[in-house]
């Protein structure tokens, strides 16, 4: 073969090999990129909470019973959230009927505002607020079927959560109630324990800190691993950090609002009409707060800690 022909063949072959090598490197880089994307996707999917593991969803609201525009606006937001993320339990943390707990107002301040939820089987579990005991010490409300109260203080369980309703009013039967609460907490094998009452323990609003309630109940909360306390009375939204293992959450802006500040224990506070919703999983409770604009303005996580 002529030398010039050999040279031409070698040059063309070299060009061919260089082209293939560049294509190979390019394809190899693409393969690696796809692999990295897949790895990142798998990691992201693994880190995303599995909503199928949801054990219970419930809501809370308080200081509702006005029958006025603010209550209806919050009730409308609660119905909207229920349509997107169904729940069938609401903790109603006191001052259910303004101004004096008159049971004859129940249609205007409860049945009509929450008609859409009630007709879809949502149950409200109430406790007594300071306005509620102004008429017959709140007894008509205890007897009212729609509030599902078993007494001035009572307990019930839903799935992995046991709820304990307290009477935190100044005329409460404190001695017997504390004995009862300790007995019920000690008997409970529920992994999640949620206590609710009308008065706050920790508040950055009008009523501030309540040393009496803290001294009476916080040792029991710590001993028996109560992870969450829900209250009203102060007309704002506030979520605390975990204090000795318990998160304290104020949802007293179910019909009206008052100013609120921020304290060393505050994770989030807001002066706005709102309610809260809780998604319960085996290892955490995800808390969300929704305003009357139907937007979520606070989200937090309560992590499960075994004793």
Protein backbone atom coordinates (compact mmCIF):
# COMPACT_ATOMS: atom_id res chain seq x y z
CA UNK A 1 0.00 0.00 0.00
CA UNK A 2 1.23 3.44 -0.83
CA UNK A 3 2.61 5.37 2.18
CA UNK A 4 0.34 8.36 1.52
CA UNK A 5 -2.71 6.08 1.58
CA UNK A 6 -1.59 4.56 4.94
CA UNK A 7 -1.14 8.03 6.39
CA UNK A 8 -4.60 9.09 5.28
CA UNK A 9 -6.16 5.96 6.79
CA UNK A 10 -4.36 6.48 10.12
CA UNK A 11 -5.38 10.12 10.31
CA UNK A 12 -9.04 9.31 9.62
CA UNK A 13 -8.96 6.44 12.13
CA UNK A 14 -7.47 8.75 14.74
CA UNK A 15 -10.19 11.30 14.15
CA UNK A 16 -12.78 8.55 14.46
CA UNK A 17 -11.36 7.35 17.78
CA UNK A 18 -11.16 10.85 19.19
CA UNK A 19 -14.78 11.42 18.26
CA UNK A 20 -15.86 8.17 19.90
CA UNK A 21 -13.84 8.97 23.02
CA UNK A 22 -15.52 12.38 23.36
CA UNK A 23 -18.93 10.80 22.84
CA UNK A 24 -18.14 8.15 25.42
CA UNK A 25 -17.01 10.72 27.97
CA UNK A 26 -20.07 12.80 27.25
CA UNK A 27 -22.38 9.81 27.65
CA UNK A 28 -20.51 8.73 30.74
CA UNK A 29 -20.98 12.18 32.27
CA UNK A 30 -24.65 12.07 31.40
CA UNK A 31 -24.97 8.65 32.99
CA UNK A 32 -23.22 9.91 36.12
CA UNK A 33 -25.47 13.00 36.22
CA UNK A 34 -28.57 10.86 35.86
CA UNK A 35 -27.25 8.60 38.60
CA UNK A 36 -26.65 11.54 40.91
CA UNK A 37 -30.10 12.94 40.19
CA UNK A 38 -31.61 9.56 40.95
CA UNK A 39 -29.62 9.32 44.16
CA UNK A 40 -30.72 12.79 45.22
CA UNK A 41 -34.32 11.92 44.34
CA UNK A 42 -34.15 8.76 46.42
CA UNK A 43 -32.68 10.65 49.36
CA UNK A 44 -35.37 13.33 49.06
CA UNK A 45 -38.10 10.72 48.90
CA UNK A 46 -36.69 8.97 51.94
CA UNK A 47 -36.61 12.25 53.86
CA UNK A 48 -40.19 13.19 52.92
CA UNK A 49 -42.71 12.23 55.63
CA UNK A 50 -45.07 9.48 54.57
CA UNK A 51 -48.56 10.91 54.99
CA UNK A 52 -49.95 7.38 54.90
CA UNK A 53 -48.50 6.94 58.40
CA UNK A 54 -50.90 9.55 59.82
CA UNK A 55 -52.51 8.24 63.01
CA UNK A 56 -54.89 11.09 63.81
CA UNK A 57 -55.68 14.62 62.74
CA UNK A 58 -57.53 17.01 65.04
CA UNK A 59 -58.05 20.75 65.40
CA UNK A 60 -58.30 23.19 68.31
CA UNK A 61 -59.94 26.57 68.81
CA UNK A 62 -61.11 28.58 71.81
CA UNK A 63 -62.94 31.69 72.98
CA UNK A 64 -65.36 31.23 70.14
CA UNK A 65 -68.86 31.76 71.43
CA UNK A 66 -69.78 35.22 70.17
CA UNK A 67 -71.85 34.36 67.12
CA UNK A 68 -70.23 37.38 65.48
CA UNK A 69 -68.31 37.89 62.25
CA UNK A 70 -64.93 36.82 63.62
CA UNK A 71 -66.23 33.45 64.77
CA UNK A 72 -67.88 32.79 61.42
CA UNK A 73 -64.67 33.71 59.59
CA UNK A 74 -62.63 31.21 61.61
CA UNK A 75 -65.35 28.56 61.24
CA UNK A 76 -65.27 29.06 57.47
CA UNK A 77 -61.50 28.54 57.45
CA UNK A 78 -61.92 25.40 59.55
CA UNK A 79 -64.44 24.04 57.03
CA UNK A 80 -62.10 24.90 54.16
CA UNK A 81 -59.22 23.05 55.79
CA UNK A 82 -61.49 20.09 56.52
CA UNK A 83 -62.36 19.82 52.82
CA UNK A 84 -58.67 19.60 51.91
CA UNK A 85 -57.46 17.59 54.91
CA UNK A 86 -60.35 15.84 56.70
CA UNK A 87 -60.48 15.65 60.49
CA UNK A 88 -63.29 14.57 62.79
CA UNK A 89 -62.27 16.00 66.17
CA UNK A 90 -62.04 19.56 67.51
CA UNK A 91 -60.77 20.51 70.96
CA UNK A 92 -62.87 23.47 72.15
CA UNK A 93 -60.87 25.06 74.93
CA UNK A 94 -63.44 27.15 76.78
CA UNK A 95 -65.49 30.35 76.67
CA UNK A 96 -67.85 28.49 74.42
CA UNK A 97 -70.78 30.87 75.07
CA UNK A 98 -70.35 34.62 75.62
CA UNK A 99 -70.98 36.52 77.71
CA UNK A 100 -72.37 34.45 80.54
CA UNK A 101 -72.58 30.85 79.35
CA UNK A 102 -76.30 31.04 78.53
CA UNK A 103 -77.18 27.68 76.98
CA UNK A 104 -80.15 29.20 75.11
CA UNK A 105 -77.60 30.88 72.83
CA UNK A 106 -76.18 27.55 71.68
CA UNK A 107 -77.72 27.78 68.22
CA UNK A 108 -76.25 31.20 67.50
CA UNK A 109 -72.78 30.61 68.95
CA UNK A 110 -72.14 26.94 68.12
CA UNK A 111 -74.62 25.04 66.01
CA UNK A 112 -74.92 27.55 63.18
CA UNK A 113 -71.28 28.70 62.93
CA UNK A 114 -70.02 25.10 62.79
CA UNK A 115 -73.00 23.60 60.97
CA UNK A 116 -70.93 22.42 58.00
CA UNK A 117 -68.47 20.58 60.24
CA UNK A 118 -71.15 19.14 62.51
CA UNK A 119 -73.20 17.76 59.62
CA UNK A 120 -70.08 15.98 58.36
CA UNK A 121 -69.60 14.15 61.65
CA UNK A 122 -66.93 16.33 63.27
CA UNK A 123 -67.12 16.04 67.07
CA UNK A 124 -66.28 18.88 69.41
CA UNK A 125 -64.92 18.10 72.89
CA UNK A 126 -65.20 21.14 75.15
CA UNK A 127 -63.98 22.33 78.51
CA UNK A 128 -65.32 25.18 80.64
CA UNK A 129 -64.01 28.73 80.47
CA UNK A 130 -64.51 31.59 82.91
CA UNK A 131 -67.46 32.99 80.93
CA UNK A 132 -69.09 29.54 80.78
CA UNK A 133 -69.40 29.15 84.57
CA UNK A 134 -71.34 32.39 85.01
CA UNK A 135 -74.62 30.53 84.48
CA UNK A 136 -75.32 27.59 86.82
CA UNK A 137 -71.56 27.05 87.13
CA UNK A 138 -71.46 25.70 83.58
CA UNK A 139 -73.66 22.66 84.30
CA UNK A 140 -75.97 23.22 81.26
CA UNK A 141 -72.93 23.08 78.97
CA UNK A 142 -71.71 19.87 80.59
CA UNK A 143 -75.11 18.31 79.83
CA UNK A 144 -75.24 19.60 76.25
CA UNK A 145 -74.59 16.61 73.92
CA UNK A 146 -72.75 18.65 71.28
CA UNK A 147 -69.89 19.43 73.66
CA UNK A 148 -69.27 15.73 74.49
CA UNK A 149 -68.26 16.50 78.07
CA UNK A 150 -68.26 13.71 80.62
CA UNK A 151 -67.93 16.11 83.54
CA UNK A 152 -66.04 19.19 84.64
CA UNK A 153 -62.88 17.23 83.89
CA UNK A 154 -62.71 14.05 81.87
CA UNK A 155 -60.60 11.93 79.54
CA UNK A 156 -61.10 10.16 76.22
CA UNK A 157 -58.85 8.35 73.77
CA UNK A 158 -58.58 8.53 70.02
CA UNK A 159 -56.16 6.11 68.39
CA UNK A 160 -52.66 6.78 69.76
CA UNK A 161 -53.70 9.92 71.63
CA UNK A 162 -55.32 10.21 75.04
CA UNK A 163 -56.91 13.57 75.81
CA UNK A 164 -57.43 15.00 79.29
CA UNK A 165 -59.83 17.94 79.72
CA UNK A 166 -59.31 20.12 82.80
CA UNK A 167 -61.39 22.64 84.69
CA UNK A 168 -58.91 25.49 85.23
CA UNK A 169 -61.42 27.97 86.65
CA UNK A 170 -60.85 29.60 90.02
CA UNK A 171 -63.69 27.62 91.63
CA UNK A 172 -62.51 24.25 90.32
CA UNK A 173 -62.40 21.19 92.56
CA UNK A 174 -58.61 21.32 92.62
CA UNK A 175 -57.84 18.62 95.20
CA UNK A 176 -59.93 15.90 93.61
CA UNK A 177 -59.06 16.95 90.08
CA UNK A 178 -55.31 16.66 90.63
CA UNK A 179 -55.71 13.22 92.22
CA UNK A 180 -57.90 12.17 89.28
CA UNK A 181 -55.41 13.48 86.70
CA UNK A 182 -52.48 11.65 88.25
CA UNK A 183 -54.46 8.41 88.38
CA UNK A 184 -55.57 8.71 84.76
CA UNK A 185 -52.09 9.64 83.52
CA UNK A 186 -50.52 6.75 85.38
CA UNK A 187 -53.04 4.30 83.90
CA UNK A 188 -52.70 5.53 80.33
CA UNK A 189 -50.64 3.48 77.90
CA UNK A 190 -51.24 5.96 75.06
CA UNK A 191 -47.96 7.07 73.47
CA UNK A 192 -49.31 10.62 73.04
CA UNK A 193 -50.90 12.52 75.94
CA UNK A 194 -52.64 15.83 75.27
CA UNK A 195 -54.12 17.95 78.06
CA UNK A 196 -56.42 20.91 77.43
CA UNK A 197 -57.97 23.56 79.63
CA UNK A 198 -59.10 27.14 79.30
CA UNK A 199 -56.35 29.01 81.12
CA UNK A 200 -52.77 29.34 79.86
CA UNK A 201 -49.68 28.28 81.76
CA UNK A 202 -47.36 30.42 79.62
CA UNK A 203 -48.63 33.39 77.65
CA UNK A 204 -47.08 36.49 76.13
CA UNK A 205 -50.47 38.17 76.04
CA UNK A 206 -52.84 39.84 78.49
CA UNK A 207 -52.83 37.15 81.21
CA UNK A 208 -49.14 36.25 81.14
CA UNK A 209 -47.65 33.40 83.16
CA UNK A 210 -49.83 31.45 85.62
CA UNK A 211 -47.54 30.21 88.44
CA UNK A 212 -50.44 28.46 90.19
CA UNK A 213 -51.20 26.21 87.22
CA UNK A 214 -47.50 25.62 86.59
CA UNK A 215 -46.90 24.51 90.18
CA UNK A 216 -50.02 22.34 90.28
CA UNK A 217 -49.72 20.53 86.98
CA UNK A 218 -46.28 20.83 85.40
CA UNK A 219 -44.67 18.20 87.69
CA UNK A 220 -47.36 15.72 86.58
CA UNK A 221 -46.86 16.68 82.94
CA UNK A 222 -43.15 16.00 83.26
CA UNK A 223 -43.53 12.78 85.25
CA UNK A 224 -46.08 11.22 82.89
CA UNK A 225 -44.75 12.63 79.62
CA UNK A 226 -47.55 14.99 78.59
CA UNK A 227 -46.29 16.32 75.26
CA UNK A 228 -48.91 19.02 74.58
CA UNK A 229 -51.16 21.39 76.52
CA UNK A 230 -53.82 23.40 74.62
CA UNK A 231 -55.62 26.44 76.03
CA UNK A 232 -57.54 29.61 75.25
CA UNK A 233 -58.38 32.61 77.50
CA UNK A 234 -55.79 34.88 75.89
CA UNK A 235 -57.15 35.96 72.51
CA UNK A 236 -54.14 35.26 70.33
CA UNK A 237 -52.15 32.39 68.84
CA UNK A 238 -48.94 31.30 70.54
CA UNK A 239 -46.78 28.17 70.37
CA UNK A 240 -44.00 27.64 72.87
CA UNK A 241 -40.86 25.59 72.63
CA UNK A 242 -40.93 22.38 74.65
CA UNK A 243 -40.71 23.31 78.35
CA UNK A 244 -39.63 20.27 80.39
CA UNK A 245 -40.98 18.14 77.55
CA UNK A 246 -44.34 19.90 77.10
CA UNK A 247 -45.33 22.30 74.32
CA UNK A 248 -47.94 24.89 75.35
CA UNK A 249 -50.26 26.15 72.62
CA UNK A 250 -52.74 29.02 72.88
CA UNK A 251 -55.57 29.10 70.32
CA UNK A 252 -57.80 31.70 71.94
CA UNK A 253 -58.41 33.77 68.81
CA UNK A 254 -61.41 31.83 67.57
CA UNK A 255 -63.63 34.94 67.45
CA UNK A 256 -61.60 37.99 68.48
CA UNK A 257 -58.01 39.09 69.04
CA UNK A 258 -55.91 40.98 71.56
CA UNK A 259 -52.26 42.09 71.33
CA UNK A 260 -49.51 39.55 72.01
CA UNK A 261 -45.77 39.89 72.39
CA UNK A 262 -42.99 37.33 72.48
CA UNK A 263 -41.16 35.71 75.40
CA UNK A 264 -38.08 33.58 75.89
CA UNK A 265 -40.20 30.44 75.55
CA UNK A 266 -42.09 31.59 72.42
CA UNK A 267 -41.54 29.79 69.14
CA UNK A 268 -44.24 31.78 67.35
CA UNK A 269 -46.99 34.22 68.33
CA UNK A 270 -49.53 36.17 66.30
CA UNK A 271 -52.36 38.62 66.86
CA UNK A 272 -54.78 37.18 64.36
CA UNK A 273 -57.98 35.17 64.13
CA UNK A 274 -56.97 31.53 63.80
CA UNK A 275 -57.28 27.89 64.71
CA UNK A 276 -54.70 25.12 64.92
CA UNK A 277 -54.56 21.64 63.42
CA UNK A 278 -52.43 18.70 64.53
CA UNK A 279 -51.23 15.77 62.41
CA UNK A 280 -50.24 12.94 64.73
CA UNK A 281 -47.64 10.37 63.66
CA UNK A 282 -45.79 7.72 65.65
CA UNK A 283 -42.70 9.91 66.07
CA UNK A 284 -44.06 13.48 65.91
CA UNK A 285 -47.02 15.84 65.89
CA UNK A 286 -47.01 18.40 63.10
CA UNK A 287 -48.74 21.62 64.17
CA UNK A 288 -50.17 24.11 61.66
CA UNK A 289 -51.99 27.38 62.29
CA UNK A 290 -54.44 28.77 59.73
CA UNK A 291 -55.84 32.29 59.59
CA UNK A 292 -59.08 33.53 58.11
CA UNK A 293 -57.30 34.15 54.80
CA UNK A 294 -57.01 30.34 54.61
CA UNK A 295 -53.23 30.58 54.67
CA UNK A 296 -50.93 28.62 56.99
CA UNK A 297 -48.91 31.14 58.99
CA UNK A 298 -47.12 28.86 61.48
CA UNK A 299 -45.82 25.30 61.40
CA UNK A 300 -43.99 23.39 64.08
CA UNK A 301 -43.08 19.86 65.12
CA UNK A 302 -43.49 18.20 68.50
CA UNK A 303 -41.09 15.26 68.59
CA UNK A 304 -41.97 12.08 70.41
CA UNK A 305 -39.85 11.28 73.44
CA UNK A 306 -40.38 8.11 75.39
CA UNK A 307 -39.99 8.11 79.14
